[in-house]
Amino acid sequence: MSAEPSLPEKTETPPLMVQQAVFSSAATDRGPGYQFLGWSPGVEPALRQQLHPWAPTHDSLSQPPPQGAALSYFPLDHYCVIGWSSYAGQEYSGRGAAVFTHFLLVPRAGFEQAGAHPFALLQAALGRQILAPRLPVPETLPELQLQLRPTWVELELLLHLRKTDPQRWLAAALAALAAGRAVAIQTGEVSPHLLARGLWSCLPLSLRKEVSFTTGLVPSLRRPFRLTLWESWPWSAARLRRQLKALLIDLQRGTAHSAEEPPPPWIAKLVEAVSQGSTAGLLELLARLNRSPNQNPPAVSPPDTPAPPVPDQLHC
């Protein structure tokens, strides 16, 4: 069940015109290697150039074939993008399984009006069987029309957050994201995808507009995700801290650290509502944050030399 706490006048939005692009390994007339194999008419060369750094290549999935898969989400200048990455066939060179990524690009204005909920877009695409990896890929892909119901809070997914004892870590994670700092979470027994989906239900619109995330791609300087979730660390914690400069949260460990400073009032209230299972309180708080620009937490770019207000690692 989902709820929409901040759309007082409309409960439906117009269908969104969605562009698509597919990136994988192949030998084509343009040459061999990882490249865009097909795209819809709206994905012009300049847009493909913007999209290219986010496209994963060989060994980019944290899990090996055949089960490895990752969801990614990130905003560009005029589009919000989700990417579904999995394995499909072999690389043209024969060195291993090919990473196959299907991108869906939605105009930012319409997507934000529908709640900026990447999982709602993913659900609509899966319902149309759009994201199933298929080879070969036609060079010209169709534009899509997808109807998204405005989605703000998926109430049943908050259960996955409650199981992790959110008072140990959620305030620190939200404070870091609101400050523009990267956050990486080792989810342990909880599915990274489900935890991300539950966490997204806690974000006010101002953060949803700006926070990028992935649920299974290995770290890369080319893909500066603000939020990364893995079942287990792909690298050592020290290497992750050094490269990502992120707050690391380990949900597999039993001890926890509190933030050095009290979280902002909106975060404290949000964590309390989630911890107590108060869906009415959460909906009321998000409605106020989404409707009142003055109360929205600022969405800022990561500072050049961050001075973190929280520890470098939380064991939860």
C-alpha atoms as a PDB file:
ATOM      1  CA  MET A   1       0.000   0.000   0.000  1.00  0.00           C
ATOM      2  CA  SER A   2       1.227   3.498  -0.765  1.00  0.00           C
ATOM      3  CA  ALA A   3       0.135   6.911   0.375  1.00  0.00           C
ATOM      4  CA  GLU A   4       0.461  10.407  -1.069  1.00  0.00           C
ATOM      5  CA  PRO A   5       0.757  12.939   1.750  1.00  0.00           C
ATOM      6  CA  SER A   6       1.285  16.120  -0.249  1.00  0.00           C
ATOM      7  CA  LEU A   7      -0.848  16.303  -3.373  1.00  0.00           C
ATOM      8  CA  PRO A   8      -4.012  18.076  -2.176  1.00  0.00           C
ATOM      9  CA  GLU A   9      -5.512  18.729  -5.600  1.00  0.00           C
ATOM     10  CA  LYS A  10      -4.414  15.918  -7.942  1.00  0.00           C
ATOM     11  CA  THR A  11      -4.262  12.201  -7.392  1.00  0.00           C
ATOM     12  CA  GLU A  12      -3.173  11.352 -10.937  1.00  0.00           C
ATOM     13  CA  THR A  13      -0.549  12.804 -13.228  1.00  0.00           C
ATOM     14  CA  PRO A  14      -0.516  12.774 -17.045  1.00  0.00           C
ATOM     15  CA  PRO A  15       1.324   9.893 -18.718  1.00  0.00           C
ATOM     16  CA  LEU A  16       5.051  10.537 -18.865  1.00  0.00           C
ATOM     17  CA  MET A  17       6.940  10.352 -22.131  1.00  0.00           C
ATOM     18  CA  VAL A  18       9.901   8.107 -21.336  1.00  0.00           C
ATOM     19  CA  GLN A  19      13.043   7.828 -23.442  1.00  0.00           C
ATOM     20  CA  GLN A  20      15.146   4.672 -23.338  1.00  0.00           C
ATOM     21  CA  ALA A  21      18.686   3.598 -24.124  1.00  0.00           C
ATOM     22  CA  VAL A  22      20.514   0.264 -23.916  1.00  0.00           C
ATOM     23  CA  PHE A  23      24.232  -0.058 -23.126  1.00  0.00           C
ATOM     24  CA  SER A  24      26.226  -3.273 -23.370  1.00  0.00           C
ATOM     25  CA  SER A  25      29.158  -5.021 -25.055  1.00  0.00           C
ATOM     26  CA  ALA A  26      28.988  -5.742 -28.777  1.00  0.00           C
ATOM     27  CA  ALA A  27      30.826  -5.397 -32.071  1.00  0.00           C
ATOM     28  CA  THR A  28      28.830  -2.971 -34.222  1.00  0.00           C
ATOM     29  CA  ASP A  29      29.388  -0.777 -37.266  1.00  0.00           C
ATOM     30  CA  ARG A  30      30.628   1.877 -34.822  1.00  0.00           C
ATOM     31  CA  GLY A  31      33.300  -0.479 -33.471  1.00  0.00           C
ATOM     32  CA  PRO A  32      33.670  -3.165 -30.774  1.00  0.00           C
ATOM     33  CA  GLY A  33      33.265  -2.761 -27.014  1.00  0.00           C
ATOM     34  CA  TYR A  34      30.832  -1.345 -24.502  1.00  0.00           C
ATOM     35  CA  GLN A  35      28.589   1.206 -26.173  1.00  0.00           C
ATOM     36  CA  PHE A  36      25.015   2.319 -26.635  1.00  0.00           C
ATOM     37  CA  LEU A  37      23.395  -0.341 -28.768  1.00  0.00           C
ATOM     38  CA  GLY A  38      20.001   1.314 -29.145  1.00  0.00           C
ATOM     39  CA  TRP A  39      18.144   4.431 -28.084  1.00  0.00           C
ATOM     40  CA  SER A  40      14.876   6.258 -28.664  1.00  0.00           C
ATOM     41  CA  PRO A  41      14.724   9.429 -30.788  1.00  0.00           C
ATOM     42  CA  GLY A  42      14.887  11.812 -27.812  1.00  0.00           C
ATOM     43  CA  VAL A  43      18.256  10.468 -26.643  1.00  0.00           C
ATOM     44  CA  GLU A  44      20.358  12.740 -28.806  1.00  0.00           C
ATOM     45  CA  PRO A  45      24.188  12.619 -28.911  1.00  0.00           C
ATOM     46  CA  ALA A  46      24.586  15.291 -26.215  1.00  0.00           C
ATOM     47  CA  LEU A  47      22.283  13.371 -23.899  1.00  0.00           C
ATOM     48  CA  ARG A  48      24.101  10.093 -24.585  1.00  0.00           C
ATOM     49  CA  GLN A  49      27.340  11.868 -23.698  1.00  0.00           C
ATOM     50  CA  GLN A  50      25.826  12.908 -20.343  1.00  0.00           C
ATOM     51  CA  LEU A  51      24.569   9.385 -19.759  1.00  0.00           C
ATOM     52  CA  HIS A  52      27.758   7.572 -20.735  1.00  0.00           C
ATOM     53  CA  PRO A  53      29.750   8.010 -17.471  1.00  0.00           C
ATOM     54  CA  TRP A  54      26.930   6.327 -15.535  1.00  0.00           C
ATOM     55  CA  ALA A  55      26.877   3.261 -17.815  1.00  0.00           C
ATOM     56  CA  PRO A  56      28.504   0.193 -16.175  1.00  0.00           C
ATOM     57  CA  THR A  57      30.969  -2.001 -18.046  1.00  0.00           C
ATOM     58  CA  HIS A  58      32.918  -5.218 -17.349  1.00  0.00           C
ATOM     59  CA  ASP A  59      32.996  -6.323 -13.679  1.00  0.00           C
ATOM     60  CA  SER A  60      30.733  -3.446 -12.601  1.00  0.00           C
ATOM     61  CA  LEU A  61      28.185  -5.612 -10.778  1.00  0.00           C
ATOM     62  CA  SER A  62      29.020  -6.517  -7.204  1.00  0.00           C
ATOM     63  CA  GLN A  63      27.528 -10.023  -7.592  1.00  0.00           C
ATOM     64  CA  PRO A  64      28.853 -12.557 -10.133  1.00  0.00           C
ATOM     65  CA  PRO A  65      26.818 -14.000 -13.005  1.00  0.00           C
ATOM     66  CA  PRO A  66      24.209 -15.138 -13.473  1.00  0.00           C
ATOM     67  CA  GLN A  67      22.352 -13.628 -10.499  1.00  0.00           C
ATOM     68  CA  GLY A  68      24.048 -10.225 -10.314  1.00  0.00           C
ATOM     69  CA  ALA A  69      21.757  -7.248 -10.866  1.00  0.00           C
ATOM     70  CA  ALA A  70      21.647  -3.601  -9.828  1.00  0.00           C
ATOM     71  CA  LEU A  71      19.213  -0.719  -9.875  1.00  0.00           C
ATOM     72  CA  SER A  72      20.597   2.785 -10.266  1.00  0.00           C
ATOM     73  CA  TYR A  73      18.955   6.196 -10.151  1.00  0.00           C
ATOM     74  CA  PHE A  74      20.432   9.626 -10.857  1.00  0.00           C
ATOM     75  CA  PRO A  75      19.303  13.072 -12.042  1.00  0.00           C
ATOM     76  CA  LEU A  76      20.732  14.758 -15.121  1.00  0.00           C
ATOM     77  CA  ASP A  77      20.143  18.347 -16.253  1.00  0.00           C
ATOM     78  CA  HIS A  78      16.675  17.780 -17.693  1.00  0.00           C
ATOM     79  CA  TYR A  79      15.986  14.118 -16.973  1.00  0.00           C
ATOM     80  CA  CYS A  80      15.778  11.696 -14.103  1.00  0.00           C
ATOM     81  CA  VAL A  81      17.186   8.299 -15.025  1.00  0.00           C
ATOM     82  CA  ILE A  82      16.783   4.773 -13.732  1.00  0.00           C
ATOM     83  CA  GLY A  83      19.021   1.992 -14.967  1.00  0.00           C
ATOM     84  CA  TRP A  84      18.537  -1.740 -14.559  1.00  0.00           C
ATOM     85  CA  SER A  85      21.816  -3.649 -14.963  1.00  0.00           C
ATOM     86  CA  SER A  86      22.114  -7.413 -15.245  1.00  0.00           C
ATOM     87  CA  TYR A  87      23.965 -10.020 -17.299  1.00  0.00           C
ATOM     88  CA  ALA A  88      22.995 -10.902 -20.862  1.00  0.00           C
ATOM     89  CA  GLY A  89      25.073 -13.219 -23.021  1.00  0.00           C
ATOM     90  CA  GLN A  90      28.831 -12.905 -23.432  1.00  0.00           C
ATOM     91  CA  GLU A  91      31.028  -9.917 -24.160  1.00  0.00           C
ATOM     92  CA  TYR A  92      31.989  -9.613 -27.809  1.00  0.00           C
ATOM     93  CA  SER A  93      35.599 -10.412 -26.869  1.00  0.00           C
ATOM     94  CA  GLY A  94      34.610 -13.612 -25.042  1.00  0.00           C
ATOM     95  CA  ARG A  95      36.251 -12.606 -21.748  1.00  0.00           C
ATOM     96  CA  GLY A  96      33.089 -13.126 -19.688  1.00  0.00           C
ATOM     97  CA  ALA A  97      29.437 -12.307 -19.139  1.00  0.00           C
ATOM     98  CA  ALA A  98      28.312  -9.003 -20.630  1.00  0.00           C
ATOM     99  CA  VAL A  99      26.794  -6.367 -18.357  1.00  0.00           C
ATOM    100  CA  PHE A 100      23.547  -5.205 -19.951  1.00  0.00           C
ATOM    101  CA  THR A 101      21.989  -1.911 -18.799  1.00  0.00           C
ATOM    102  CA  HIS A 102      18.606  -0.573 -19.823  1.00  0.00           C
ATOM    103  CA  PHE A 103      18.130   3.132 -19.032  1.00  0.00           C
ATOM    104  CA  LEU A 104      14.782   4.897 -18.770  1.00  0.00           C
ATOM    105  CA  LEU A 105      14.887   8.696 -18.921  1.00  0.00           C
ATOM    106  CA  VAL A 106      11.961  10.790 -17.661  1.00  0.00           C
ATOM    107  CA  PRO A 107      11.608  14.598 -17.870  1.00  0.00           C
ATOM    108  CA  ARG A 108      12.458  15.958 -14.425  1.00  0.00           C
ATOM    109  CA  ALA A 109       9.403  18.221 -14.050  1.00  0.00           C
ATOM    110  CA  GLY A 110       6.868  15.465 -14.673  1.00  0.00           C
ATOM    111  CA  PHE A 111       8.766  12.938 -12.600  1.00  0.00           C
ATOM    112  CA  GLU A 112       8.991  15.257  -9.611  1.00  0.00           C
ATOM    113  CA  GLN A 113       5.284  16.015  -9.905  1.00  0.00           C
ATOM    114  CA  ALA A 114       4.669  12.267  -9.563  1.00  0.00           C
ATOM    115  CA  GLY A 115       6.673  12.136  -6.344  1.00  0.00           C
ATOM    116  CA  ALA A 116      10.175  11.550  -7.785  1.00  0.00           C
ATOM    117  CA  HIS A 117       9.839   7.868  -6.923  1.00  0.00           C
ATOM    118  CA  PRO A 118      12.199   5.728  -9.048  1.00  0.00           C
ATOM    119  CA  PHE A 119      10.622   2.523  -7.771  1.00  0.00           C
ATOM    120  CA  ALA A 120       7.241   3.592  -9.136  1.00  0.00           C
ATOM    121  CA  LEU A 121       8.863   4.049 -12.542  1.00  0.00           C
ATOM    122  CA  LEU A 122      10.592   0.686 -12.211  1.00  0.00           C
ATOM    123  CA  GLN A 123       7.311  -0.996 -11.328  1.00  0.00           C
ATOM    124  CA  ALA A 124       5.568   0.531 -14.343  1.00  0.00           C
ATOM    125  CA  ALA A 125       8.387  -0.614 -16.625  1.00  0.00           C
ATOM    126  CA  LEU A 126       8.435  -4.141 -15.208  1.00  0.00           C
ATOM    127  CA  GLY A 127       4.677  -4.350 -15.695  1.00  0.00           C
ATOM    128  CA  ARG A 128       5.224  -3.717 -19.398  1.00  0.00           C
ATOM    129  CA  GLN A 129       8.172  -6.160 -19.518  1.00  0.00           C
ATOM    130  CA  ILE A 130      10.345  -3.341 -20.813  1.00  0.00           C
ATOM    131  CA  LEU A 131      13.506  -4.085 -18.842  1.00  0.00           C
ATOM    132  CA  ALA A 132      14.040  -7.746 -19.708  1.00  0.00           C
ATOM    133  CA  PRO A 133      17.524  -8.027 -21.303  1.00  0.00           C
ATOM    134  CA  ARG A 134      17.209  -9.012 -24.944  1.00  0.00           C
ATOM    135  CA  LEU A 135      19.889  -9.374 -27.604  1.00  0.00           C
ATOM    136  CA  PRO A 136      20.245  -8.249 -30.307  1.00  0.00           C
ATOM    137  CA  VAL A 137      18.995  -4.709 -29.632  1.00  0.00           C
ATOM    138  CA  PRO A 138      17.459  -2.638 -32.437  1.00  0.00           C
ATOM    139  CA  GLU A 139      19.309   0.638 -32.871  1.00  0.00           C
ATOM    140  CA  THR A 140      16.057   2.638 -32.812  1.00  0.00           C
ATOM    141  CA  LEU A 141      13.960   2.062 -29.718  1.00  0.00           C
ATOM    142  CA  PRO A 142      10.458   3.482 -29.275  1.00  0.00           C
ATOM    143  CA  GLU A 143       9.521   6.299 -26.936  1.00  0.00           C
ATOM    144  CA  LEU A 144       7.293   5.022 -24.142  1.00  0.00           C
ATOM    145  CA  GLN A 145       4.296   6.411 -22.341  1.00  0.00           C
ATOM    146  CA  LEU A 146       4.096   5.295 -18.726  1.00  0.00           C
ATOM    147  CA  GLN A 147       1.402   6.253 -16.244  1.00  0.00           C
ATOM    148  CA  LEU A 148       2.773   6.849 -12.760  1.00  0.00           C
ATOM    149  CA  ARG A 149       0.483   7.185  -9.785  1.00  0.00           C
ATOM    150  CA  PRO A 150       1.861   9.869  -7.456  1.00  0.00           C
ATOM    151  CA  THR A 151       3.731   7.821  -4.874  1.00  0.00           C
ATOM    152  CA  TRP A 152       5.291   9.203  -1.728  1.00  0.00           C
ATOM    153  CA  VAL A 153       5.313   6.550   0.962  1.00  0.00           C
ATOM    154  CA  GLU A 154       5.127   2.776   0.540  1.00  0.00           C
ATOM    155  CA  LEU A 155       3.923   1.893   3.994  1.00  0.00           C
ATOM    156  CA  GLU A 156       4.605  -1.847   3.951  1.00  0.00           C
ATOM    157  CA  LEU A 157       8.250  -1.269   3.024  1.00  0.00           C
ATOM    158  CA  LEU A 158       8.854   0.656   6.226  1.00  0.00           C
ATOM    159  CA  LEU A 159       8.759  -2.721   7.979  1.00  0.00           C
ATOM    160  CA  HIS A 160      12.169  -3.501   6.478  1.00  0.00           C
ATOM    161  CA  LEU A 161      13.532  -0.331   8.067  1.00  0.00           C
ATOM    162  CA  ARG A 162      12.021  -1.127  11.458  1.00  0.00           C
ATOM    163  CA  LYS A 163      13.716  -4.543  11.465  1.00  0.00           C
ATOM    164  CA  THR A 164      17.116  -2.847  11.289  1.00  0.00           C
ATOM    165  CA  ASP A 165      16.583  -0.837  14.516  1.00  0.00           C
ATOM    166  CA  PRO A 166      16.562   2.534  12.685  1.00  0.00           C
ATOM    167  CA  GLN A 167      17.348   4.568  15.802  1.00  0.00           C
ATOM    168  CA  ARG A 168      20.907   3.213  15.543  1.00  0.00           C
ATOM    169  CA  TRP A 169      21.660   4.520  12.051  1.00  0.00           C
ATOM    170  CA  LEU A 170      18.815   6.256  10.178  1.00  0.00           C
ATOM    171  CA  ALA A 171      19.358   9.743  11.636  1.00  0.00           C
ATOM    172  CA  ALA A 172      23.059   9.665  10.732  1.00  0.00           C
ATOM    173  CA  ALA A 173      22.275   8.484   7.185  1.00  0.00           C
ATOM    174  CA  LEU A 174      19.625  11.156   6.582  1.00  0.00           C
ATOM    175  CA  ALA A 175      21.802  13.903   8.069  1.00  0.00           C
ATOM    176  CA  ALA A 176      24.696  12.906   5.810  1.00  0.00           C
ATOM    177  CA  LEU A 177      22.489  12.852   2.696  1.00  0.00           C
ATOM    178  CA  ALA A 178      20.941  16.222   3.574  1.00  0.00           C
ATOM    179  CA  ALA A 179      24.450  17.668   3.992  1.00  0.00           C
ATOM    180  CA  GLY A 180      25.501  16.437   0.556  1.00  0.00           C
ATOM    181  CA  ARG A 181      27.701  13.633   1.854  1.00  0.00           C
ATOM    182  CA  ALA A 182      27.822  10.136   0.360  1.00  0.00           C
ATOM    183  CA  VAL A 183      26.431   7.197   2.328  1.00  0.00           C
ATOM    184  CA  ALA A 184      27.260   3.499   1.796  1.00  0.00           C
ATOM    185  CA  ILE A 185      25.280   0.761   3.559  1.00  0.00           C
ATOM    186  CA  GLN A 186      26.087  -2.917   4.018  1.00  0.00           C
ATOM    187  CA  THR A 187      22.594  -4.359   4.387  1.00  0.00           C
ATOM    188  CA  GLY A 188      23.374  -7.905   5.485  1.00  0.00           C
ATOM    189  CA  GLU A 189      20.216  -9.993   5.727  1.00  0.00           C
ATOM    190  CA  VAL A 190      17.979  -7.241   4.350  1.00  0.00           C
ATOM    191  CA  SER A 191      17.741  -6.992   0.563  1.00  0.00           C
ATOM    192  CA  PRO A 192      19.571  -3.844  -0.649  1.00  0.00           C
ATOM    193  CA  HIS A 193      16.720  -3.206  -3.067  1.00  0.00           C
ATOM    194  CA  LEU A 194      14.019  -3.430  -0.391  1.00  0.00           C
ATOM    195  CA  LEU A 195      16.016  -1.348   2.079  1.00  0.00           C
ATOM    196  CA  ALA A 196      16.571   1.356  -0.546  1.00  0.00           C
ATOM    197  CA  ARG A 197      12.886   1.313  -1.381  1.00  0.00           C
ATOM    198  CA  GLY A 198      11.932   1.664   2.273  1.00  0.00           C
ATOM    199  CA  LEU A 199      14.516   4.383   2.824  1.00  0.00           C
ATOM    200  CA  TRP A 200      13.156   6.292  -0.182  1.00  0.00           C
ATOM    201  CA  SER A 201       9.781   6.479   1.556  1.00  0.00           C
ATOM    202  CA  CYS A 202      11.483   8.546   4.276  1.00  0.00           C
ATOM    203  CA  LEU A 203      12.953  11.174   1.974  1.00  0.00           C
ATOM    204  CA  PRO A 204      11.227  14.529   1.462  1.00  0.00           C
ATOM    205  CA  LEU A 205      10.911  15.714  -2.123  1.00  0.00           C
ATOM    206  CA  SER A 206      13.861  18.109  -1.864  1.00  0.00           C
ATOM    207  CA  LEU A 207      16.203  15.152  -1.308  1.00  0.00           C
ATOM    208  CA  ARG A 208      14.495  12.875  -3.814  1.00  0.00           C
ATOM    209  CA  LYS A 209      15.241  15.458  -6.493  1.00  0.00           C
ATOM    210  CA  GLU A 210      18.973  15.280  -5.858  1.00  0.00           C
ATOM    211  CA  VAL A 211      19.998  12.009  -4.186  1.00  0.00           C
ATOM    212  CA  SER A 212      21.318   9.368  -6.578  1.00  0.00           C
ATOM    213  CA  PHE A 213      21.660   5.739  -5.537  1.00  0.00           C
ATOM    214  CA  THR A 214      22.565   2.225  -6.632  1.00  0.00           C
ATOM    215  CA  THR A 215      21.726  -1.154  -5.138  1.00  0.00           C
ATOM    216  CA  GLY A 216      24.544  -3.240  -6.571  1.00  0.00           C
ATOM    217  CA  LEU A 217      27.156  -1.500  -8.718  1.00  0.00           C
ATOM    218  CA  VAL A 218      30.751  -1.503  -7.523  1.00  0.00           C
ATOM    219  CA  PRO A 219      32.213   1.911  -6.675  1.00  0.00           C
ATOM    220  CA  SER A 220      33.539   4.021  -9.532  1.00  0.00           C
ATOM    221  CA  LEU A 221      34.691   7.621  -9.664  1.00  0.00           C
ATOM    222  CA  ARG A 222      32.748   7.886 -12.928  1.00  0.00           C
ATOM    223  CA  ARG A 223      29.499   7.185 -11.079  1.00  0.00           C
ATOM    224  CA  PRO A 224      29.370   9.455  -8.002  1.00  0.00           C
ATOM    225  CA  PHE A 225      26.284   7.990  -6.334  1.00  0.00           C
ATOM    226  CA  ARG A 226      25.222   9.684  -3.109  1.00  0.00           C
ATOM    227  CA  LEU A 227      23.716   6.486  -1.676  1.00  0.00           C
ATOM    228  CA  THR A 228      25.062   2.985  -2.283  1.00  0.00           C
ATOM    229  CA  LEU A 229      23.665  -0.236  -0.842  1.00  0.00           C
ATOM    230  CA  TRP A 230      25.268  -3.690  -0.983  1.00  0.00           C
ATOM    231  CA  GLU A 231      24.497  -6.968   0.723  1.00  0.00           C
ATOM    232  CA  SER A 232      28.188  -7.108   1.626  1.00  0.00           C
ATOM    233  CA  TRP A 233      31.062  -4.685   1.049  1.00  0.00           C
ATOM    234  CA  PRO A 234      32.613  -5.167  -2.410  1.00  0.00           C
ATOM    235  CA  TRP A 235      35.893  -3.794  -1.049  1.00  0.00           C
ATOM    236  CA  SER A 236      37.433  -3.286   2.365  1.00  0.00           C
ATOM    237  CA  ALA A 237      35.872  -0.602   4.536  1.00  0.00           C
ATOM    238  CA  ALA A 238      39.146   1.356   4.511  1.00  0.00           C
ATOM    239  CA  ARG A 239      39.253   1.404   0.715  1.00  0.00           C
ATOM    240  CA  LEU A 240      35.600   2.447   0.509  1.00  0.00           C
ATOM    241  CA  ARG A 241      36.165   5.312   2.949  1.00  0.00           C
ATOM    242  CA  ARG A 242      39.221   6.439   1.018  1.00  0.00           C
ATOM    243  CA  GLN A 243      37.584   6.387  -2.420  1.00  0.00           C
ATOM    244  CA  LEU A 244      33.993   7.336  -1.651  1.00  0.00           C
ATOM    245  CA  LYS A 245      34.645   9.666   1.298  1.00  0.00           C
ATOM    246  CA  ALA A 246      31.362   8.284   2.545  1.00  0.00           C
ATOM    247  CA  LEU A 247      29.651   7.545   5.811  1.00  0.00           C
ATOM    248  CA  LEU A 248      29.783   3.725   6.047  1.00  0.00           C
ATOM    249  CA  ILE A 249      26.896   1.984   7.791  1.00  0.00           C
ATOM    250  CA  ASP A 250      27.231  -1.718   8.554  1.00  0.00           C
ATOM    251  CA  LEU A 251      23.892  -3.277   9.481  1.00  0.00           C
ATOM    252  CA  GLN A 252      25.538  -6.684  10.036  1.00  0.00           C
ATOM    253  CA  ARG A 253      27.388  -5.557  13.174  1.00  0.00           C
ATOM    254  CA  GLY A 254      25.761  -5.409  16.587  1.00  0.00           C
ATOM    255  CA  THR A 255      27.251  -2.189  17.964  1.00  0.00           C
ATOM    256  CA  ALA A 256      26.362   1.348  16.957  1.00  0.00           C
ATOM    257  CA  HIS A 257      27.656   4.869  17.284  1.00  0.00           C
ATOM    258  CA  SER A 258      25.478   7.914  17.750  1.00  0.00           C
ATOM    259  CA  ALA A 259      25.979  11.145  15.823  1.00  0.00           C
ATOM    260  CA  GLU A 260      28.348  13.671  17.342  1.00  0.00           C
ATOM    261  CA  GLU A 261      25.640  16.328  17.126  1.00  0.00           C
ATOM    262  CA  PRO A 262      21.859  16.047  17.530  1.00  0.00           C
ATOM    263  CA  PRO A 263      20.113  15.635  14.156  1.00  0.00           C
ATOM    264  CA  PRO A 264      17.929  18.442  12.814  1.00  0.00           C
ATOM    265  CA  PRO A 265      14.379  18.392  14.242  1.00  0.00           C
ATOM    266  CA  TRP A 266      12.792  17.041  11.057  1.00  0.00           C
ATOM    267  CA  ILE A 267      15.170  14.066  11.047  1.00  0.00           C
ATOM    268  CA  ALA A 268      14.622  13.317  14.729  1.00  0.00           C
ATOM    269  CA  LYS A 269      10.843  13.346  14.229  1.00  0.00           C
ATOM    270  CA  LEU A 270      11.098  11.181  11.120  1.00  0.00           C
ATOM    271  CA  VAL A 271      13.253   8.547  12.823  1.00  0.00           C
ATOM    272  CA  GLU A 272      10.894   8.497  15.788  1.00  0.00           C
ATOM    273  CA  ALA A 273       7.887   7.954  13.505  1.00  0.00           C
ATOM    274  CA  VAL A 274       9.604   5.117  11.633  1.00  0.00           C
ATOM    275  CA  SER A 275      10.866   3.456  14.821  1.00  0.00           C
ATOM    276  CA  GLN A 276       7.415   3.545  16.419  1.00  0.00           C
ATOM    277  CA  GLY A 277       5.623   2.474  13.264  1.00  0.00           C
ATOM    278  CA  SER A 278       3.625   5.713  13.276  1.00  0.00           C
ATOM    279  CA  THR A 279       2.636   5.925   9.632  1.00  0.00           C
ATOM    280  CA  ALA A 280       0.254   8.816  10.331  1.00  0.00           C
ATOM    281  CA  GLY A 281       3.071  10.794  11.947  1.00  0.00           C
ATOM    282  CA  LEU A 282       5.419  10.053   9.044  1.00  0.00           C
ATOM    283  CA  LEU A 283       2.827  11.076   6.458  1.00  0.00           C
ATOM    284  CA  GLU A 284       2.057  14.291   8.314  1.00  0.00           C
ATOM    285  CA  LEU A 285       5.736  15.202   8.624  1.00  0.00           C
ATOM    286  CA  LEU A 286       6.515  14.513   4.949  1.00  0.00           C
ATOM    287  CA  ALA A 287       3.424  16.428   3.870  1.00  0.00           C
ATOM    288  CA  ARG A 288       4.645  19.453   5.801  1.00  0.00           C
ATOM    289  CA  LEU A 289       8.173  19.176   4.421  1.00  0.00           C
ATOM    290  CA  ASN A 290       6.969  18.709   0.846  1.00  0.00           C
ATOM    291  CA  ARG A 291       4.488  21.585   0.928  1.00  0.00           C
ATOM    292  CA  SER A 292       6.579  24.126   2.811  1.00  0.00           C
ATOM    293  CA  PRO A 293       9.745  25.189   0.985  1.00  0.00           C
ATOM    294  CA  ASN A 294      11.011  26.951   4.108  1.00  0.00           C
ATOM    295  CA  GLN A 295      10.963  23.683   6.031  1.00  0.00           C
ATOM    296  CA  ASN A 296      12.550  21.561   3.334  1.00  0.00           C
ATOM    297  CA  PRO A 297      16.037  20.350   4.193  1.00  0.00           C
ATOM    298  CA  PRO A 298      18.565  21.927   1.828  1.00  0.00           C
ATOM    299  CA  ALA A 299      19.806  19.830  -1.051  1.00  0.00           C
ATOM    300  CA  VAL A 300      23.448  20.761  -1.555  1.00  0.00           C
ATOM    301  CA  SER A 301      26.376  19.444  -3.522  1.00  0.00           C
ATOM    302  CA  PRO A 302      29.075  17.561  -1.624  1.00  0.00           C
ATOM    303  CA  PRO A 303      31.708  19.985  -0.270  1.00  0.00           C
ATOM    304  CA  ASP A 304      35.231  19.760  -1.645  1.00  0.00           C
ATOM    305  CA  THR A 305      36.658  18.938   1.770  1.00  0.00           C
ATOM    306  CA  PRO A 306      33.784  17.613   3.876  1.00  0.00           C
ATOM    307  CA  ALA A 307      33.882  18.020   7.622  1.00  0.00           C
ATOM    308  CA  PRO A 308      31.591  15.147   8.605  1.00  0.00           C
ATOM    309  CA  PRO A 309      29.260  15.763  11.563  1.00  0.00           C
ATOM    310  CA  VAL A 310      29.018  11.989  12.120  1.00  0.00           C
ATOM    311  CA  PRO A 311      31.557   9.181  12.514  1.00  0.00           C
ATOM    312  CA  ASP A 312      33.166   7.663   9.429  1.00  0.00           C
ATOM    313  CA  GLN A 313      31.585   4.302  10.122  1.00  0.00           C
ATOM    314  CA  LEU A 314      28.526   3.032  11.939  1.00  0.00           C
ATOM    315  CA  HIS A 315      28.231  -0.604  12.991  1.00  0.00           C
ATOM    316  CA  CYS A 316      24.564  -1.357  13.408  1.00  0.00           C
END
